[in-house]
Amino acid sequence: MDIQPLGKLIREPIRTGRTPSDREFQARDQSVHFIKTGTLRIGQVVFEQCDKIPARVLSSRDYLQESEVLVTIIGATHDIVGRAAIYPPGAP
């Protein structure tokens, strides 16, 4: 097995998520899933437990792309930090 530093395997810059301050829905808002550390499990995102936020509060940079890797870097307990999953094709 060829072991390499993680930095050599990354093709795009690492980016962090953000929590929009405006999460109030207006009459015609479309909703999107909001993935937080508590809804990211080892190997999967539990979309049924995700909050919803208005799509208008996000920029195009905020949306995940198919096969992007999600990793929790903060959390309330040590077992939450380091969870990872791949954003699946066809995910909401």
N, C-alpha and C. Protein backbone atom coordinates (compact mmCIF):
# COMPACT_ATOMS: atom_id res chain seq x y z
N MET A 1 0.85 -1.17 0.00
CA MET A 1 0.00 0.00 0.00
C MET A 1 0.90 1.24 0.00
N ASP A 2 0.56 2.18 -0.87
CA ASP A 2 1.31 3.43 -0.96
C ASP A 2 0.65 4.47 -0.06
N ILE A 3 1.32 4.84 1.02
CA ILE A 3 0.77 5.83 1.94
C ILE A 3 1.31 7.20 1.56
N GLN A 4 0.37 8.17 1.46
CA GLN A 4 0.74 9.53 1.10
C GLN A 4 0.13 10.50 2.09
N PRO A 5 0.76 11.66 2.25
CA PRO A 5 0.14 12.68 3.10
C PRO A 5 -1.21 13.10 2.51
N LEU A 6 -2.16 13.38 3.38
CA LEU A 6 -3.50 13.75 2.94
C LEU A 6 -3.47 14.94 1.99
N GLY A 7 -2.59 15.88 2.22
CA GLY A 7 -2.50 17.07 1.36
C GLY A 7 -2.21 16.74 -0.09
N LYS A 8 -1.57 15.62 -0.37
CA LYS A 8 -1.28 15.23 -1.75
C LYS A 8 -2.49 14.61 -2.44
N LEU A 9 -3.47 14.19 -1.68
CA LEU A 9 -4.67 13.55 -2.24
C LEU A 9 -5.79 14.54 -2.51
N ILE A 10 -5.69 15.73 -1.95
CA ILE A 10 -6.75 16.73 -2.08
C ILE A 10 -6.59 17.47 -3.39
N ARG A 11 -7.67 17.50 -4.17
CA ARG A 11 -7.63 18.17 -5.48
C ARG A 11 -8.15 19.59 -5.44
N GLU A 12 -8.96 19.91 -4.44
CA GLU A 12 -9.53 21.25 -4.33
C GLU A 12 -9.29 21.76 -2.92
N PRO A 13 -9.33 23.07 -2.74
CA PRO A 13 -9.13 23.62 -1.40
C PRO A 13 -10.20 23.13 -0.41
N ILE A 14 -9.80 22.94 0.81
CA ILE A 14 -10.74 22.57 1.86
C ILE A 14 -11.54 23.82 2.22
N ARG A 15 -12.84 23.64 2.41
CA ARG A 15 -13.66 24.77 2.82
C ARG A 15 -14.51 24.36 4.01
N THR A 16 -14.86 25.31 4.81
CA THR A 16 -15.66 25.03 5.98
C THR A 16 -17.09 25.51 5.75
N GLY A 17 -18.00 24.95 6.50
CA GLY A 17 -19.39 25.35 6.40
C GLY A 17 -19.65 26.58 7.23
N ARG A 18 -20.85 27.06 7.11
CA ARG A 18 -21.26 28.22 7.89
C ARG A 18 -22.74 28.08 8.22
N THR A 19 -23.14 28.75 9.26
CA THR A 19 -24.54 28.78 9.64
C THR A 19 -25.09 30.16 9.31
N PRO A 20 -25.99 30.25 8.34
CA PRO A 20 -26.54 31.56 7.97
C PRO A 20 -27.29 32.18 9.15
N SER A 21 -27.14 33.47 9.33
CA SER A 21 -27.83 34.14 10.44
C SER A 21 -29.33 34.26 10.16
N ASP A 22 -29.70 34.44 8.90
CA ASP A 22 -31.11 34.55 8.52
C ASP A 22 -31.62 33.17 8.12
N ARG A 23 -32.42 32.56 8.98
CA ARG A 23 -32.98 31.25 8.67
C ARG A 23 -34.50 31.25 8.71
N GLU A 24 -35.07 32.44 8.72
CA GLU A 24 -36.52 32.58 8.75
C GLU A 24 -37.10 32.41 7.35
N PHE A 25 -38.15 31.62 7.25
CA PHE A 25 -38.79 31.38 5.97
C PHE A 25 -39.76 32.51 5.63
N GLN A 26 -39.78 32.86 4.35
CA GLN A 26 -40.76 33.81 3.83
C GLN A 26 -41.72 33.01 2.94
N ALA A 27 -42.77 33.64 2.52
CA ALA A 27 -43.88 32.96 1.84
C ALA A 27 -43.47 32.05 0.69
N ARG A 28 -42.59 32.47 -0.19
CA ARG A 28 -42.28 31.69 -1.39
C ARG A 28 -40.92 30.99 -1.33
N ASP A 29 -40.34 30.91 -0.17
CA ASP A 29 -39.01 30.30 -0.05
C ASP A 29 -39.04 28.80 -0.34
N GLN A 30 -38.02 28.36 -1.05
CA GLN A 30 -37.78 26.93 -1.20
C GLN A 30 -36.85 26.52 -0.06
N SER A 31 -37.02 25.30 0.43
CA SER A 31 -36.18 24.84 1.53
C SER A 31 -35.12 23.86 1.04
N VAL A 32 -34.01 23.85 1.76
CA VAL A 32 -32.93 22.90 1.50
C VAL A 32 -32.50 22.29 2.83
N HIS A 33 -31.92 21.10 2.76
CA HIS A 33 -31.42 20.45 3.96
C HIS A 33 -30.19 21.19 4.48
N PHE A 34 -30.09 21.28 5.80
CA PHE A 34 -28.96 21.93 6.45
C PHE A 34 -28.25 20.86 7.27
N ILE A 35 -27.09 20.44 6.79
CA ILE A 35 -26.35 19.35 7.44
C ILE A 35 -25.51 19.94 8.57
N LYS A 36 -25.70 19.40 9.76
CA LYS A 36 -24.92 19.82 10.92
C LYS A 36 -24.15 18.61 11.45
N THR A 37 -23.28 18.84 12.40
CA THR A 37 -22.45 17.74 12.92
C THR A 37 -23.31 16.60 13.46
N GLY A 38 -24.45 16.91 14.05
CA GLY A 38 -25.30 15.86 14.62
C GLY A 38 -25.99 14.98 13.59
N THR A 39 -26.07 15.43 12.34
CA THR A 39 -26.73 14.64 11.30
C THR A 39 -25.73 13.93 10.39
N LEU A 40 -24.46 14.13 10.65
CA LEU A 40 -23.42 13.42 9.90
C LEU A 40 -22.99 12.23 10.73
N ARG A 41 -23.15 11.06 10.19
CA ARG A 41 -22.75 9.82 10.87
C ARG A 41 -21.56 9.24 10.12
N ILE A 42 -20.99 8.21 10.65
CA ILE A 42 -19.86 7.57 9.97
C ILE A 42 -20.39 6.96 8.68
N GLY A 43 -19.99 7.53 7.57
CA GLY A 43 -20.35 7.00 6.26
C GLY A 43 -21.67 7.47 5.68
N GLN A 44 -22.42 8.31 6.40
CA GLN A 44 -23.71 8.73 5.84
C GLN A 44 -24.19 10.04 6.45
N VAL A 45 -25.09 10.68 5.74
CA VAL A 45 -25.80 11.85 6.24
C VAL A 45 -27.23 11.42 6.50
N VAL A 46 -27.75 11.71 7.67
CA VAL A 46 -29.12 11.34 8.03
C VAL A 46 -30.02 12.53 7.65
N PHE A 47 -30.45 12.56 6.39
CA PHE A 47 -31.22 13.68 5.88
C PHE A 47 -32.55 13.85 6.60
N GLU A 48 -33.13 12.76 7.09
CA GLU A 48 -34.42 12.84 7.79
C GLU A 48 -34.30 13.66 9.07
N GLN A 49 -33.11 13.80 9.63
CA GLN A 49 -32.92 14.55 10.86
C GLN A 49 -32.34 15.95 10.63
N CYS A 50 -32.10 16.29 9.37
CA CYS A 50 -31.55 17.61 9.04
C CYS A 50 -32.60 18.70 9.21
N ASP A 51 -32.15 19.87 9.66
CA ASP A 51 -33.01 21.04 9.65
C ASP A 51 -33.18 21.49 8.21
N LYS A 52 -34.16 22.33 7.98
CA LYS A 52 -34.36 22.94 6.66
C LYS A 52 -34.13 24.44 6.81
N ILE A 53 -33.52 25.03 5.78
CA ILE A 53 -33.33 26.47 5.76
C ILE A 53 -33.76 26.99 4.39
N PRO A 54 -34.03 28.29 4.28
CA PRO A 54 -34.41 28.83 2.98
C PRO A 54 -33.23 28.84 2.01
N ALA A 55 -33.47 28.40 0.80
CA ALA A 55 -32.42 28.35 -0.22
C ALA A 55 -31.85 29.74 -0.51
N ARG A 56 -32.65 30.77 -0.36
CA ARG A 56 -32.21 32.13 -0.70
C ARG A 56 -31.08 32.63 0.20
N VAL A 57 -30.85 32.03 1.36
CA VAL A 57 -29.79 32.51 2.26
C VAL A 57 -28.43 31.91 1.92
N LEU A 58 -28.38 31.05 0.91
CA LEU A 58 -27.14 30.39 0.53
C LEU A 58 -26.59 30.93 -0.78
N SER A 59 -25.29 30.84 -0.92
CA SER A 59 -24.65 31.18 -2.20
C SER A 59 -24.36 29.87 -2.92
N SER A 60 -23.99 29.93 -4.17
CA SER A 60 -23.68 28.71 -4.92
C SER A 60 -22.52 27.95 -4.28
N ARG A 61 -21.63 28.65 -3.62
CA ARG A 61 -20.48 28.01 -2.95
C ARG A 61 -20.91 27.16 -1.76
N ASP A 62 -22.07 27.43 -1.20
CA ASP A 62 -22.55 26.70 -0.02
C ASP A 62 -23.10 25.31 -0.34
N TYR A 63 -23.43 25.06 -1.59
CA TYR A 63 -24.04 23.78 -1.95
C TYR A 63 -22.97 22.72 -2.14
N LEU A 64 -23.27 21.52 -1.66
CA LEU A 64 -22.36 20.39 -1.84
C LEU A 64 -22.50 19.81 -3.23
N GLN A 65 -21.42 19.27 -3.72
CA GLN A 65 -21.41 18.60 -5.01
C GLN A 65 -21.32 17.09 -4.78
N GLU A 66 -21.84 16.34 -5.72
CA GLU A 66 -21.79 14.88 -5.66
C GLU A 66 -20.35 14.41 -5.39
N SER A 67 -20.21 13.48 -4.49
CA SER A 67 -18.96 12.82 -4.11
C SER A 67 -18.00 13.69 -3.30
N GLU A 68 -18.43 14.87 -2.84
CA GLU A 68 -17.58 15.63 -1.94
C GLU A 68 -17.53 14.92 -0.59
N VAL A 69 -16.41 15.06 0.08
CA VAL A 69 -16.21 14.42 1.37
C VAL A 69 -16.55 15.42 2.48
N LEU A 70 -17.38 14.99 3.41
CA LEU A 70 -17.75 15.80 4.57
C LEU A 70 -17.04 15.24 5.79
N VAL A 71 -16.46 16.10 6.59
CA VAL A 71 -15.77 15.67 7.82
C VAL A 71 -16.15 16.64 8.92
N THR A 72 -16.52 16.12 10.08
CA THR A 72 -16.81 17.00 11.21
C THR A 72 -15.49 17.38 11.87
N ILE A 73 -15.33 18.68 12.11
CA ILE A 73 -14.09 19.15 12.75
C ILE A 73 -14.35 19.74 14.12
N ILE A 74 -15.63 19.89 14.47
CA ILE A 74 -16.02 20.33 15.80
C ILE A 74 -17.20 19.49 16.25
N GLY A 75 -17.48 19.52 17.53
CA GLY A 75 -18.64 18.80 18.03
C GLY A 75 -18.72 18.87 19.53
N ALA A 76 -19.88 18.54 20.04
CA ALA A 76 -20.11 18.61 21.47
C ALA A 76 -19.35 17.53 22.23
N THR A 77 -19.09 16.40 21.58
CA THR A 77 -18.36 15.31 22.23
C THR A 77 -17.28 14.79 21.30
N HIS A 78 -16.32 14.08 21.86
CA HIS A 78 -15.21 13.56 21.08
C HIS A 78 -15.63 12.55 20.01
N ASP A 79 -16.73 11.83 20.24
CA ASP A 79 -17.14 10.84 19.24
C ASP A 79 -17.75 11.49 17.99
N ILE A 80 -18.09 12.77 18.05
CA ILE A 80 -18.63 13.46 16.88
C ILE A 80 -17.50 13.95 15.97
N VAL A 81 -16.41 14.43 16.55
CA VAL A 81 -15.30 14.95 15.76
C VAL A 81 -14.66 13.82 14.95
N GLY A 82 -14.50 14.05 13.66
CA GLY A 82 -13.87 13.06 12.80
C GLY A 82 -14.82 12.17 12.03
N ARG A 83 -16.12 12.35 12.22
CA ARG A 83 -17.07 11.59 11.40
C ARG A 83 -16.90 12.03 9.96
N ALA A 84 -17.03 11.10 9.04
CA ALA A 84 -16.86 11.43 7.63
C ALA A 84 -17.85 10.66 6.78
N ALA A 85 -18.26 11.29 5.68
CA ALA A 85 -19.16 10.66 4.72
C ALA A 85 -18.94 11.31 3.37
N ILE A 86 -19.31 10.61 2.33
CA ILE A 86 -19.27 11.14 0.98
C ILE A 86 -20.68 11.57 0.62
N TYR A 87 -20.82 12.80 0.09
CA TYR A 87 -22.13 13.30 -0.30
C TYR A 87 -22.61 12.45 -1.49
N PRO A 88 -23.68 11.69 -1.30
CA PRO A 88 -24.08 10.71 -2.30
C PRO A 88 -24.76 11.30 -3.54
N PRO A 89 -24.60 10.62 -4.67
CA PRO A 89 -25.32 11.04 -5.88
C PRO A 89 -26.82 11.04 -5.62
N GLY A 90 -27.52 12.03 -6.13
CA GLY A 90 -28.96 12.09 -5.98
C GLY A 90 -29.44 12.51 -4.61
N ALA A 91 -28.53 12.97 -3.75
CA ALA A 91 -28.93 13.39 -2.41
C ALA A 91 -29.76 14.66 -2.50
N PRO A 92 -30.62 14.86 -1.49
CA PRO A 92 -31.47 16.07 -1.52
C PRO A 92 -30.66 17.35 -1.40
